[in-house]
Structures are given as structure tokens and as C-alpha cells.
Amino acid sequence: MIDRSKLSNSFEFVVTAGARARQLMAGSIARVAVGDHKKTTIAQQEVITKVVEKTGAEDKNDNNGEGKNVVIG
């Protein structure tokens, strides 16, 4: 289970992890140790360890224009 108690903004964590999980399901390579975890858990681990973070730019491929980009740093 992911400990979100140290996060300043749980909503941003959920949005960013969700966007990253979609990227992983589309074939992106995980940036943390995978093990036997689901893509959603891997995405949460990536966000909590700050391997990925949210950007403010809009995604050109995002049809709804919500700007949920995730940049791998």
C-alpha cells in the first residue's frame, strides 16, 4: 500500500498517478522496480518517489484538453 500521508496534495497525486498508469498501460517503460505489481501501483510508486511529476502543459493527444501530462525526470 502507498503511504500518502506525507503528500501535500492528494488530489494532484491521484491525477498524476492516473495519467502515468495510462501511459504504462499504453506501453511506456516503468522507471521503478516492477515485481508482480499492477500498472496502477507502479505508477503510484513512480509518483511517490518523484521519478515522474506532473507538468502544466497540455497534451496534444489528449482529446479532453485537461492537461494531464506526466514528464519522466
N, C-alpha and C. Protein backbone atom coordinates (compact mmCIF):
# COMPACT_ATOMS: atom_id res chain seq x y z
N MET A 1 0.83 -1.17 0.00
CA MET A 1 0.00 0.00 0.00
C MET A 1 0.89 1.25 0.00
N ILE A 2 0.43 2.28 -0.67
CA ILE A 2 1.17 3.52 -0.80
C ILE A 2 0.79 4.45 0.36
N ASP A 3 1.80 4.98 1.07
CA ASP A 3 1.56 5.92 2.17
C ASP A 3 1.51 7.33 1.61
N ARG A 4 0.31 7.91 1.55
CA ARG A 4 0.15 9.26 1.01
C ARG A 4 0.10 10.32 2.11
N SER A 5 0.39 9.96 3.35
CA SER A 5 0.28 10.91 4.45
C SER A 5 1.30 12.05 4.35
N LYS A 6 2.41 11.84 3.67
CA LYS A 6 3.45 12.86 3.56
C LYS A 6 3.26 13.78 2.37
N LEU A 7 2.21 13.55 1.58
CA LEU A 7 1.96 14.37 0.40
C LEU A 7 1.23 15.65 0.79
N SER A 8 1.57 16.72 0.12
CA SER A 8 0.90 17.99 0.39
C SER A 8 -0.44 18.08 -0.33
N ASN A 9 -0.58 17.37 -1.47
CA ASN A 9 -1.80 17.46 -2.26
C ASN A 9 -2.17 16.08 -2.79
N SER A 10 -3.10 15.42 -2.12
CA SER A 10 -3.50 14.07 -2.52
C SER A 10 -4.18 14.06 -3.88
N PHE A 11 -4.93 15.10 -4.19
CA PHE A 11 -5.62 15.16 -5.48
C PHE A 11 -4.61 15.15 -6.62
N GLU A 12 -3.57 15.97 -6.51
CA GLU A 12 -2.55 16.02 -7.55
C GLU A 12 -1.84 14.67 -7.68
N PHE A 13 -1.62 14.00 -6.56
CA PHE A 13 -1.01 12.67 -6.59
C PHE A 13 -1.87 11.70 -7.38
N VAL A 14 -3.18 11.70 -7.12
CA VAL A 14 -4.09 10.77 -7.79
C VAL A 14 -4.16 11.07 -9.28
N VAL A 15 -4.26 12.35 -9.64
CA VAL A 15 -4.34 12.73 -11.06
C VAL A 15 -3.05 12.34 -11.79
N THR A 16 -1.91 12.63 -11.18
CA THR A 16 -0.63 12.33 -11.82
C THR A 16 -0.41 10.83 -11.93
N ALA A 17 -0.70 10.09 -10.87
CA ALA A 17 -0.55 8.63 -10.91
C ALA A 17 -1.50 8.01 -11.93
N GLY A 18 -2.70 8.54 -12.05
CA GLY A 18 -3.64 8.03 -13.03
C GLY A 18 -3.16 8.25 -14.45
N ALA A 19 -2.62 9.43 -14.71
CA ALA A 19 -2.09 9.73 -16.04
C ALA A 19 -0.90 8.82 -16.35
N ARG A 20 -0.05 8.61 -15.37
CA ARG A 20 1.12 7.75 -15.57
C ARG A 20 0.68 6.29 -15.78
N ALA A 21 -0.33 5.84 -15.04
CA ALA A 21 -0.83 4.48 -15.22
C ALA A 21 -1.35 4.27 -16.64
N ARG A 22 -2.03 5.27 -17.19
CA ARG A 22 -2.48 5.18 -18.58
C ARG A 22 -1.30 5.07 -19.53
N GLN A 23 -0.23 5.81 -19.26
CA GLN A 23 0.97 5.71 -20.09
C GLN A 23 1.57 4.31 -20.01
N LEU A 24 1.63 3.76 -18.80
CA LEU A 24 2.19 2.42 -18.63
C LEU A 24 1.34 1.37 -19.34
N MET A 25 0.03 1.51 -19.28
CA MET A 25 -0.85 0.57 -19.97
C MET A 25 -0.73 0.69 -21.49
N ALA A 26 -0.32 1.86 -21.95
CA ALA A 26 -0.14 2.07 -23.39
C ALA A 26 1.23 1.59 -23.87
N GLY A 27 2.08 1.13 -22.94
CA GLY A 27 3.36 0.56 -23.35
C GLY A 27 4.60 1.28 -22.88
N SER A 28 4.47 2.34 -22.09
CA SER A 28 5.64 3.04 -21.56
C SER A 28 6.42 2.12 -20.63
N ILE A 29 7.70 2.39 -20.51
CA ILE A 29 8.58 1.58 -19.67
C ILE A 29 8.55 2.12 -18.24
N ALA A 30 8.40 1.23 -17.28
CA ALA A 30 8.39 1.61 -15.87
C ALA A 30 9.77 2.10 -15.44
N ARG A 31 9.80 3.08 -14.56
CA ARG A 31 11.05 3.67 -14.07
C ARG A 31 11.42 3.22 -12.67
N VAL A 32 10.65 2.30 -12.11
CA VAL A 32 10.94 1.72 -10.79
C VAL A 32 10.89 0.21 -10.92
N ALA A 33 11.33 -0.49 -9.89
CA ALA A 33 11.27 -1.96 -9.90
C ALA A 33 9.82 -2.40 -9.98
N VAL A 34 9.54 -3.29 -10.92
CA VAL A 34 8.16 -3.67 -11.20
C VAL A 34 7.66 -4.79 -10.29
N GLY A 35 8.38 -5.87 -10.20
CA GLY A 35 7.93 -7.01 -9.41
C GLY A 35 6.64 -7.57 -9.99
N ASP A 36 5.73 -8.00 -9.12
CA ASP A 36 4.44 -8.55 -9.54
C ASP A 36 3.32 -7.55 -9.31
N HIS A 37 3.58 -6.28 -9.48
CA HIS A 37 2.60 -5.24 -9.20
C HIS A 37 1.83 -4.85 -10.46
N LYS A 38 0.62 -4.35 -10.22
CA LYS A 38 -0.20 -3.84 -11.32
C LYS A 38 0.35 -2.49 -11.78
N LYS A 39 -0.05 -2.09 -12.96
CA LYS A 39 0.42 -0.83 -13.54
C LYS A 39 0.03 0.36 -12.66
N THR A 40 -1.13 0.31 -12.03
CA THR A 40 -1.55 1.43 -11.17
C THR A 40 -0.64 1.58 -9.97
N THR A 41 -0.23 0.46 -9.38
CA THR A 41 0.68 0.51 -8.23
C THR A 41 2.06 0.99 -8.64
N ILE A 42 2.51 0.56 -9.81
CA ILE A 42 3.80 1.02 -10.32
C ILE A 42 3.76 2.53 -10.54
N ALA A 43 2.67 3.03 -11.12
CA ALA A 43 2.53 4.47 -11.34
C ALA A 43 2.56 5.24 -10.02
N GLN A 44 1.89 4.72 -9.01
CA GLN A 44 1.89 5.37 -7.70
C GLN A 44 3.30 5.40 -7.12
N GLN A 45 4.03 4.31 -7.25
CA GLN A 45 5.41 4.27 -6.76
C GLN A 45 6.28 5.29 -7.48
N GLU A 46 6.09 5.43 -8.79
CA GLU A 46 6.87 6.39 -9.56
C GLU A 46 6.59 7.82 -9.10
N VAL A 47 5.34 8.13 -8.82
CA VAL A 47 4.98 9.48 -8.38
C VAL A 47 5.48 9.74 -6.96
N ILE A 48 5.31 8.78 -6.07
CA ILE A 48 5.70 8.98 -4.66
C ILE A 48 7.21 9.12 -4.52
N THR A 49 7.98 8.46 -5.40
CA THR A 49 9.44 8.57 -5.34
C THR A 49 9.96 9.71 -6.22
N LYS A 50 9.05 10.45 -6.83
CA LYS A 50 9.37 11.62 -7.65
C LYS A 50 10.18 11.28 -8.89
N VAL A 51 10.00 10.06 -9.40
CA VAL A 51 10.62 9.67 -10.66
C VAL A 51 9.86 10.33 -11.80
N VAL A 52 8.55 10.53 -11.61
CA VAL A 52 7.72 11.25 -12.57
C VAL A 52 7.01 12.38 -11.84
N GLU A 53 6.68 13.43 -12.57
CA GLU A 53 5.95 14.54 -11.96
C GLU A 53 5.04 15.18 -13.00
N LYS A 54 4.04 15.86 -12.53
CA LYS A 54 3.04 16.50 -13.39
C LYS A 54 3.60 17.79 -13.97
N THR A 55 3.23 18.07 -15.21
CA THR A 55 3.58 19.34 -15.84
C THR A 55 2.31 20.12 -16.11
N GLY A 56 2.43 21.39 -16.40
CA GLY A 56 1.27 22.23 -16.68
C GLY A 56 0.91 22.29 -18.15
N ALA A 57 1.75 21.76 -19.02
CA ALA A 57 1.49 21.83 -20.46
C ALA A 57 0.36 20.90 -20.85
N GLU A 58 -0.37 21.29 -21.90
CA GLU A 58 -1.46 20.44 -22.38
C GLU A 58 -0.92 19.38 -23.32
N ASP A 59 -1.51 18.20 -23.23
CA ASP A 59 -1.14 17.09 -24.08
C ASP A 59 -1.81 17.24 -25.43
N LYS A 60 -1.04 17.18 -26.50
CA LYS A 60 -1.60 17.32 -27.85
C LYS A 60 -2.50 16.14 -28.21
N ASN A 61 -2.25 14.96 -27.63
CA ASN A 61 -3.03 13.77 -27.93
C ASN A 61 -4.24 13.62 -27.01
N ASP A 62 -4.39 14.47 -26.04
CA ASP A 62 -5.48 14.39 -25.08
C ASP A 62 -6.72 15.07 -25.66
N ASN A 63 -7.74 14.31 -25.97
CA ASN A 63 -8.93 14.86 -26.60
C ASN A 63 -9.75 15.77 -25.69
N ASN A 64 -9.68 15.56 -24.39
CA ASN A 64 -10.49 16.37 -23.49
C ASN A 64 -9.77 17.63 -23.02
N GLY A 65 -8.50 17.81 -23.35
CA GLY A 65 -7.78 19.04 -23.07
C GLY A 65 -7.57 19.37 -21.60
N GLU A 66 -7.52 18.36 -20.75
CA GLU A 66 -7.37 18.62 -19.32
C GLU A 66 -5.94 18.87 -18.90
N GLY A 67 -4.97 18.67 -19.76
CA GLY A 67 -3.59 18.96 -19.44
C GLY A 67 -2.96 18.05 -18.42
N LYS A 68 -3.21 16.76 -18.48
CA LYS A 68 -2.69 15.82 -17.51
C LYS A 68 -1.41 15.18 -18.01
N ASN A 69 -0.42 15.97 -18.29
CA ASN A 69 0.86 15.44 -18.77
C ASN A 69 1.71 14.96 -17.62
N VAL A 70 2.47 13.94 -17.89
CA VAL A 70 3.42 13.43 -16.92
C VAL A 70 4.78 13.41 -17.62
N VAL A 71 5.76 14.01 -16.98
CA VAL A 71 7.11 14.05 -17.54
C VAL A 71 7.99 13.15 -16.72
N ILE A 72 8.74 12.32 -17.39
CA ILE A 72 9.68 11.45 -16.71
C ILE A 72 10.98 12.20 -16.52
N GLY A 73 11.38 12.35 -15.27
CA GLY A 73 12.56 13.14 -14.97
C GLY A 73 13.73 12.33 -14.57
